[in-house]
Amino acid sequence: MEKTLLPFGCQMMSYMQAVRLFTDYLNGDTYYKIQYPEHNLVRTKAQIRLLEEQDKVLEQMKIIISRYERS
């Protein structure tokens, strides 16, 4: 059962990181170290893009994972 949730887990981690980075950006960049003022916003956009790419290959991820399921 856990194996079938791996693709969802990948997406959830990307989503959660995007939310954390964006929240930190909105709160004045107090948690994550930044190199420039918009750094966490750029990181947020990168995580969202990653999530979009993961969504495009979700079915492929499921097929790959299903190969390792017990019959």
C-alpha atoms as a PDB file:
ATOM      1  CA  MET A   1       0.000   0.000   0.000  1.00  0.00           C
ATOM      2  CA  GLU A   2       2.724   2.490   0.943  1.00  0.00           C
ATOM      3  CA  LYS A   3       4.464   2.016  -2.396  1.00  0.00           C
ATOM      4  CA  THR A   4       1.371   3.132  -4.293  1.00  0.00           C
ATOM      5  CA  LEU A   5       1.454   6.423  -2.372  1.00  0.00           C
ATOM      6  CA  LEU A   6       5.034   7.303  -3.362  1.00  0.00           C
ATOM      7  CA  PRO A   7       4.029   9.443  -6.377  1.00  0.00           C
ATOM      8  CA  PHE A   8       1.547  11.342  -4.200  1.00  0.00           C
ATOM      9  CA  GLY A   9       4.259  11.711  -1.548  1.00  0.00           C
ATOM     10  CA  CYS A  10       6.594  13.322  -4.073  1.00  0.00           C
ATOM     11  CA  GLN A  11       3.924  15.831  -4.985  1.00  0.00           C
ATOM     12  CA  MET A  12       2.984  16.495  -1.377  1.00  0.00           C
ATOM     13  CA  MET A  13       6.597  17.234  -0.411  1.00  0.00           C
ATOM     14  CA  SER A  14       6.952  19.718  -3.274  1.00  0.00           C
ATOM     15  CA  TYR A  15       3.647  21.362  -2.350  1.00  0.00           C
ATOM     16  CA  MET A  16       4.532  21.601   1.343  1.00  0.00           C
ATOM     17  CA  GLN A  17       7.942  23.089   0.559  1.00  0.00           C
ATOM     18  CA  ALA A  18       6.349  25.668  -1.747  1.00  0.00           C
ATOM     19  CA  VAL A  19       3.925  26.671   1.010  1.00  0.00           C
ATOM     20  CA  ARG A  20       6.718  26.903   3.594  1.00  0.00           C
ATOM     21  CA  LEU A  21       8.937  29.002   1.345  1.00  0.00           C
ATOM     22  CA  PHE A  22       6.105  31.313   0.347  1.00  0.00           C
ATOM     23  CA  THR A  23       4.996  31.719   3.957  1.00  0.00           C
ATOM     24  CA  ASP A  24       8.546  32.599   4.950  1.00  0.00           C
ATOM     25  CA  TYR A  25       8.705  35.123   2.108  1.00  0.00           C
ATOM     26  CA  LEU A  26       5.440  36.724   3.269  1.00  0.00           C
ATOM     27  CA  ASN A  27       6.647  36.776   6.876  1.00  0.00           C
ATOM     28  CA  GLY A  28       9.842  38.644   6.050  1.00  0.00           C
ATOM     29  CA  ASP A  29      12.243  35.759   5.375  1.00  0.00           C
ATOM     30  CA  THR A  30      12.842  34.847   9.002  1.00  0.00           C
ATOM     31  CA  TYR A  31      13.291  31.060   8.707  1.00  0.00           C
ATOM     32  CA  TYR A  32      15.211  30.233   5.514  1.00  0.00           C
ATOM     33  CA  LYS A  33      18.501  31.976   4.829  1.00  0.00           C
ATOM     34  CA  ILE A  34      18.300  34.123   1.718  1.00  0.00           C
ATOM     35  CA  GLN A  35      20.880  35.568  -0.634  1.00  0.00           C
ATOM     36  CA  TYR A  36      18.691  38.388  -2.012  1.00  0.00           C
ATOM     37  CA  PRO A  37      15.246  39.872  -1.200  1.00  0.00           C
ATOM     38  CA  GLU A  38      13.181  37.733  -3.614  1.00  0.00           C
ATOM     39  CA  HIS A  39      15.089  34.495  -2.987  1.00  0.00           C
ATOM     40  CA  ASN A  40      12.270  32.647  -1.231  1.00  0.00           C
ATOM     41  CA  LEU A  41       9.793  33.782  -3.864  1.00  0.00           C
ATOM     42  CA  VAL A  42      12.058  32.360  -6.579  1.00  0.00           C
ATOM     43  CA  ARG A  43      12.362  29.136  -4.580  1.00  0.00           C
ATOM     44  CA  THR A  44       8.577  28.996  -4.232  1.00  0.00           C
ATOM     45  CA  LYS A  45       8.119  29.310  -7.984  1.00  0.00           C
ATOM     46  CA  ALA A  46      10.699  26.562  -8.553  1.00  0.00           C
ATOM     47  CA  GLN A  47       8.815  24.218  -6.217  1.00  0.00           C
ATOM     48  CA  ILE A  48       5.539  24.970  -7.974  1.00  0.00           C
ATOM     49  CA  ARG A  49       7.188  24.250 -11.326  1.00  0.00           C
ATOM     50  CA  LEU A  50       8.509  20.969  -9.924  1.00  0.00           C
ATOM     51  CA  LEU A  51       4.994  20.093  -8.777  1.00  0.00           C
ATOM     52  CA  GLU A  52       3.658  20.837 -12.265  1.00  0.00           C
ATOM     53  CA  GLU A  53       6.295  18.592 -13.808  1.00  0.00           C
ATOM     54  CA  GLN A  54       5.518  15.829 -11.324  1.00  0.00           C
ATOM     55  CA  ASP A  55       1.867  16.121 -12.265  1.00  0.00           C
ATOM     56  CA  LYS A  56       2.754  15.601 -15.933  1.00  0.00           C
ATOM     57  CA  VAL A  57       4.529  12.325 -15.180  1.00  0.00           C
ATOM     58  CA  LEU A  58       2.243  11.101 -12.401  1.00  0.00           C
ATOM     59  CA  GLU A  59       0.916   8.174 -14.419  1.00  0.00           C
ATOM     60  CA  GLN A  60       4.440   7.159 -15.404  1.00  0.00           C
ATOM     61  CA  MET A  61       5.486   7.236 -11.747  1.00  0.00           C
ATOM     62  CA  LYS A  62       2.516   5.031 -10.859  1.00  0.00           C
ATOM     63  CA  ILE A  63       3.446   2.526 -13.578  1.00  0.00           C
ATOM     64  CA  ILE A  64       7.043   2.367 -12.388  1.00  0.00           C
ATOM     65  CA  ILE A  65       5.971   1.860  -8.778  1.00  0.00           C
ATOM     66  CA  SER A  66       3.445  -0.807  -9.763  1.00  0.00           C
ATOM     67  CA  ARG A  67       6.301  -2.915 -11.156  1.00  0.00           C
ATOM     68  CA  TYR A  68       7.554  -3.357  -7.598  1.00  0.00           C
ATOM     69  CA  GLU A  69       4.206  -4.253  -6.025  1.00  0.00           C
ATOM     70  CA  ARG A  70       3.726  -7.734  -4.680  1.00  0.00           C
ATOM     71  CA  SER A  71       1.238  -9.765  -6.653  1.00  0.00           C
END
